[in-house]
Amino acid sequence: MPISNLYSMKWTEVGKYVARIDEFPQDIVIVMNNKKFESLPEDLQQILVDAANDAGDYGTELAHKSAEEDTERIKEEHGSRVYYIGYGRVAGEDETITSTN
């Protein structure tokens, strides 16, 4: 469940322990008919690809920012403990769980 749902649905008012694994990234899907795409000049194709990649990067940035803000809210407002499992916040090579509280 996304961290934003934990906060907005107030799950952490009751459940005081959160294991954050960031397993499922948010997706932004941009769809276009392939025949139409291939009919465009190469420069316009590249503009569309670049714009889609930029939108994806921006969406990822917003998702990470929102997750961090909501994580802080559930810690501060609901008194929850958040554990990060198996990603960049691990303190030592043998450590797999760290607490932010």
C-alpha atoms as a PDB file:
ATOM      1  CA  MET A   1       0.000   0.000   0.000  1.00  0.00           C
ATOM      2  CA  PRO A   2       1.426   3.420  -0.875  1.00  0.00           C
ATOM      3  CA  ILE A   3       2.629   5.482   2.084  1.00  0.00           C
ATOM      4  CA  SER A   4       0.188   8.222   1.071  1.00  0.00           C
ATOM      5  CA  ASN A   5      -2.698   5.806   1.637  1.00  0.00           C
ATOM      6  CA  LEU A   6      -1.399   4.870   5.064  1.00  0.00           C
ATOM      7  CA  TYR A   7      -1.536   8.502   6.048  1.00  0.00           C
ATOM      8  CA  SER A   8      -4.742   9.585   4.315  1.00  0.00           C
ATOM      9  CA  MET A   9      -6.684   6.518   5.476  1.00  0.00           C
ATOM     10  CA  LYS A  10      -5.236   6.969   8.978  1.00  0.00           C
ATOM     11  CA  TRP A  11      -4.054   3.360   9.235  1.00  0.00           C
ATOM     12  CA  THR A  12      -1.104   4.500  11.314  1.00  0.00           C
ATOM     13  CA  GLU A  13      -3.321   6.003  13.986  1.00  0.00           C
ATOM     14  CA  VAL A  14      -3.918   2.392  15.045  1.00  0.00           C
ATOM     15  CA  GLY A  15      -1.034   0.431  13.513  1.00  0.00           C
ATOM     16  CA  LYS A  16       2.074   2.051  14.944  1.00  0.00           C
ATOM     17  CA  TYR A  17       4.679   0.049  13.006  1.00  0.00           C
ATOM     18  CA  VAL A  18       5.347   0.488   9.294  1.00  0.00           C
ATOM     19  CA  ALA A  19       7.713  -1.570   7.156  1.00  0.00           C
ATOM     20  CA  ARG A  20       8.607   0.564   4.165  1.00  0.00           C
ATOM     21  CA  ILE A  21      10.004  -1.448   1.284  1.00  0.00           C
ATOM     22  CA  ASP A  22       9.297   0.784  -1.746  1.00  0.00           C
ATOM     23  CA  GLU A  23       8.675  -2.352  -3.786  1.00  0.00           C
ATOM     24  CA  PHE A  24       6.209  -0.982  -6.326  1.00  0.00           C
ATOM     25  CA  PRO A  25       7.204   2.232  -8.073  1.00  0.00           C
ATOM     26  CA  GLN A  26       4.524   4.555  -9.373  1.00  0.00           C
ATOM     27  CA  ASP A  27       4.004   4.282 -13.123  1.00  0.00           C
ATOM     28  CA  ILE A  28       3.221   6.960 -15.624  1.00  0.00           C
ATOM     29  CA  VAL A  29       2.036   5.505 -18.915  1.00  0.00           C
ATOM     30  CA  ILE A  30       1.963   7.509 -22.096  1.00  0.00           C
ATOM     31  CA  VAL A  31       0.296   5.711 -24.982  1.00  0.00           C
ATOM     32  CA  MET A  32       0.260   6.505 -28.670  1.00  0.00           C
ATOM     33  CA  ASN A  33      -0.644   4.566 -31.775  1.00  0.00           C
ATOM     34  CA  ASN A  34       2.642   3.129 -33.096  1.00  0.00           C
ATOM     35  CA  LYS A  35       1.669   3.645 -36.727  1.00  0.00           C
ATOM     36  CA  LYS A  36       0.998   7.326 -36.050  1.00  0.00           C
ATOM     37  CA  PHE A  37       4.226   7.666 -34.057  1.00  0.00           C
ATOM     38  CA  GLU A  38       6.287   6.128 -36.853  1.00  0.00           C
ATOM     39  CA  SER A  39       4.617   8.431 -39.414  1.00  0.00           C
ATOM     40  CA  LEU A  40       6.039  11.479 -37.622  1.00  0.00           C
ATOM     41  CA  PRO A  41       9.396  12.976 -38.632  1.00  0.00           C
ATOM     42  CA  GLU A  42      12.295  11.719 -36.506  1.00  0.00           C
ATOM     43  CA  ASP A  43      12.758  15.082 -34.802  1.00  0.00           C
ATOM     44  CA  LEU A  44       9.133  15.034 -33.576  1.00  0.00           C
ATOM     45  CA  GLN A  45       9.462  11.411 -32.481  1.00  0.00           C
ATOM     46  CA  GLN A  46      12.489  12.393 -30.423  1.00  0.00           C
ATOM     47  CA  ILE A  47      10.647  15.354 -28.912  1.00  0.00           C
ATOM     48  CA  LEU A  48       7.832  13.032 -27.807  1.00  0.00           C
ATOM     49  CA  VAL A  49      10.265  10.467 -26.360  1.00  0.00           C
ATOM     50  CA  ASP A  50      12.204  13.173 -24.522  1.00  0.00           C
ATOM     51  CA  ALA A  51       9.004  14.740 -23.169  1.00  0.00           C
ATOM     52  CA  ALA A  52       7.746  11.349 -21.979  1.00  0.00           C
ATOM     53  CA  ASN A  53      11.066  10.652 -20.240  1.00  0.00           C
ATOM     54  CA  ASP A  54      11.031  14.105 -18.640  1.00  0.00           C
ATOM     55  CA  ALA A  55       7.461  13.541 -17.442  1.00  0.00           C
ATOM     56  CA  GLY A  56       8.477  10.188 -15.989  1.00  0.00           C
ATOM     57  CA  ASP A  57      11.451  11.719 -14.172  1.00  0.00           C
ATOM     58  CA  TYR A  58       9.285  14.518 -12.788  1.00  0.00           C
ATOM     59  CA  GLY A  59       6.559  12.086 -11.728  1.00  0.00           C
ATOM     60  CA  THR A  60       9.142   9.925  -9.956  1.00  0.00           C
ATOM     61  CA  GLU A  61      10.535  12.994  -8.198  1.00  0.00           C
ATOM     62  CA  LEU A  62       7.049  13.980  -7.020  1.00  0.00           C
ATOM     63  CA  ALA A  63       6.270  10.437  -5.851  1.00  0.00           C
ATOM     64  CA  HIS A  64       9.484  10.249  -3.808  1.00  0.00           C
ATOM     65  CA  LYS A  65       8.882  13.683  -2.303  1.00  0.00           C
ATOM     66  CA  SER A  66       5.312  12.782  -1.382  1.00  0.00           C
ATOM     67  CA  ALA A  67       6.403   9.470   0.168  1.00  0.00           C
ATOM     68  CA  GLU A  68       9.018  11.240   2.299  1.00  0.00           C
ATOM     69  CA  GLU A  69       6.536  13.912   3.412  1.00  0.00           C
ATOM     70  CA  ASP A  70       3.873  11.340   4.290  1.00  0.00           C
ATOM     71  CA  THR A  71       6.429   9.207   6.131  1.00  0.00           C
ATOM     72  CA  GLU A  72       7.351  12.208   8.278  1.00  0.00           C
ATOM     73  CA  ARG A  73       3.672  12.958   8.901  1.00  0.00           C
ATOM     74  CA  ILE A  74       2.873   9.459  10.140  1.00  0.00           C
ATOM     75  CA  LYS A  75       5.887   9.566  12.436  1.00  0.00           C
ATOM     76  CA  GLU A  76       5.129  13.027  13.806  1.00  0.00           C
ATOM     77  CA  GLU A  77       1.324  13.070  13.872  1.00  0.00           C
ATOM     78  CA  HIS A  78       0.582   9.410  14.572  1.00  0.00           C
ATOM     79  CA  GLY A  79       3.692   8.465  16.549  1.00  0.00           C
ATOM     80  CA  SER A  80       4.436   5.555  14.237  1.00  0.00           C
ATOM     81  CA  ARG A  81       7.781   3.826  13.888  1.00  0.00           C
ATOM     82  CA  VAL A  82       8.951   3.367  10.291  1.00  0.00           C
ATOM     83  CA  TYR A  83      11.358   0.602   9.315  1.00  0.00           C
ATOM     84  CA  TYR A  84      13.115   0.709   5.948  1.00  0.00           C
ATOM     85  CA  ILE A  85      13.744  -2.772   4.631  1.00  0.00           C
ATOM     86  CA  GLY A  86      16.339  -3.705   2.051  1.00  0.00           C
ATOM     87  CA  TYR A  87      17.130  -0.450   0.301  1.00  0.00           C
ATOM     88  CA  GLY A  88      19.472   2.549   0.376  1.00  0.00           C
ATOM     89  CA  ARG A  89      18.982   3.498   4.022  1.00  0.00           C
ATOM     90  CA  VAL A  90      20.609   0.385   5.465  1.00  0.00           C
ATOM     91  CA  ALA A  91      23.413   1.455   7.802  1.00  0.00           C
ATOM     92  CA  GLY A  92      25.721  -1.564   7.578  1.00  0.00           C
ATOM     93  CA  GLU A  93      26.460  -4.357   5.162  1.00  0.00           C
ATOM     94  CA  ASP A  94      24.881  -7.024   7.384  1.00  0.00           C
ATOM     95  CA  GLU A  95      21.989  -4.863   8.550  1.00  0.00           C
ATOM     96  CA  THR A  96      18.705  -5.301   6.705  1.00  0.00           C
ATOM     97  CA  ILE A  97      16.343  -3.239   8.844  1.00  0.00           C
ATOM     98  CA  THR A  98      16.832   0.236  10.254  1.00  0.00           C
ATOM     99  CA  SER A  99      14.429   2.417  12.185  1.00  0.00           C
ATOM    100  CA  THR A 100      14.011   6.118  11.591  1.00  0.00           C
ATOM    101  CA  ASN A 101      12.816   6.736  15.161  1.00  0.00           C
END
